[in-house]
Amino acid sequence: MKVLIGPSTFAAVDSTPIEMLEAAKIEIVRNPVGRKLTADELDQLLPGVEGIIAGLEPLTRDVLERSNLRVISRCGAGLSNVDIEAARELGVKVFSTPDAPTNAVAELTVGAMLAVLREVPRMHEEMRAGRWSKRIGVQIEGKTIVIIGYGRIGKRVAALLRPFGARILAVDPIVRTSNEVEIIPLEKALPQADIITFHASGEDEILGPRQFAMLKRGVFILNAARGGLVNEKLLSDALTSGLVAGGWIDTFTTEPYDGPLTKYPQLLLTPHIGSASAECRVRMESEAVENLLRGLEMRR
């Protein structure tokens, strides 16, 4: 039985997930390109494959209809890259690992927030260039932080931020009430925000022209969710004008990314590493293999 492993870094930290597949007599097909697979590349790799351990590959209706997949086991929390309706119609079982990335992404978010508010990355680069230039940053204490997407990761981010003394608001179309934070509509939250951090699912744009017009000048924007949630052209314009003071972007509309956002020193950029901690990767990959084997009815 053949299984395709989509993520190019799968089992880079610990070989246990691969050993689990080998123990089950699975023939492993590896990602040969070292990045996210395209639909055309999936078409070339999927013939004869019954299961996929998926990263963010476009598992669209067309791709699924051209394949013989029985199981999609997502190594990660979100399923926005999978056509769930098509999978259901075609009888393809779909799994994810929603809990595994929570702490890794939340911790990185708070770390990035501290770094960009105090302009640490910018001063680091200046020192490496031989310049001793002290910059005055701002603190989290007293700021209004808007968390867009109040699921597992959003809730964990809120919990980690609580001791800093910030006012925390949340926006979520599904979660209506919370004992921990105030949940309000997006249009009421944006004008109040000193810091906006994205942890929403889906691919639909949340911060577009109308929403950028609502922002307070000097806001910080962080996105560790999906690239399409924030309009990258408008973000670039807002950084140029000073409407957005800075931020952190970990996910991009097109990856690998080499677009105009790379020219802003006040913007911290990372190559989609939210779940890239050793602890998270081992747990997430092992759970993905367990789900795959269960879906293929090779494990109870």
Foldseek 3Di string as FASTA:
>chain_A
DEEEEFAQCACVLHCVLVVLCVVLVYHYDYDPPNDGDELVRLLVRAEVHAEYADELYQQDLVSVVSHNYQEYQYLEAADQSHPVVSCVVVNHHYHADNPLLQVLLLVVQVVQVVCLQLVVQLCVVCVVVVDNDHDHGDFQAAFEEEEEACDRNNVSNLVVCVVRHYQYEYEDPPDCDDPRHHYDHLLVRALRHQEYEYAHHHQAAQADDVSLVSHAFAHEYEYLHEANNHDPVVVLVSCVVRSHVEYEYQYHPDPPDDDDVVVRSSYHYHPNCSQVDSSSSVVSSNVSSQSRCVSVVNHD
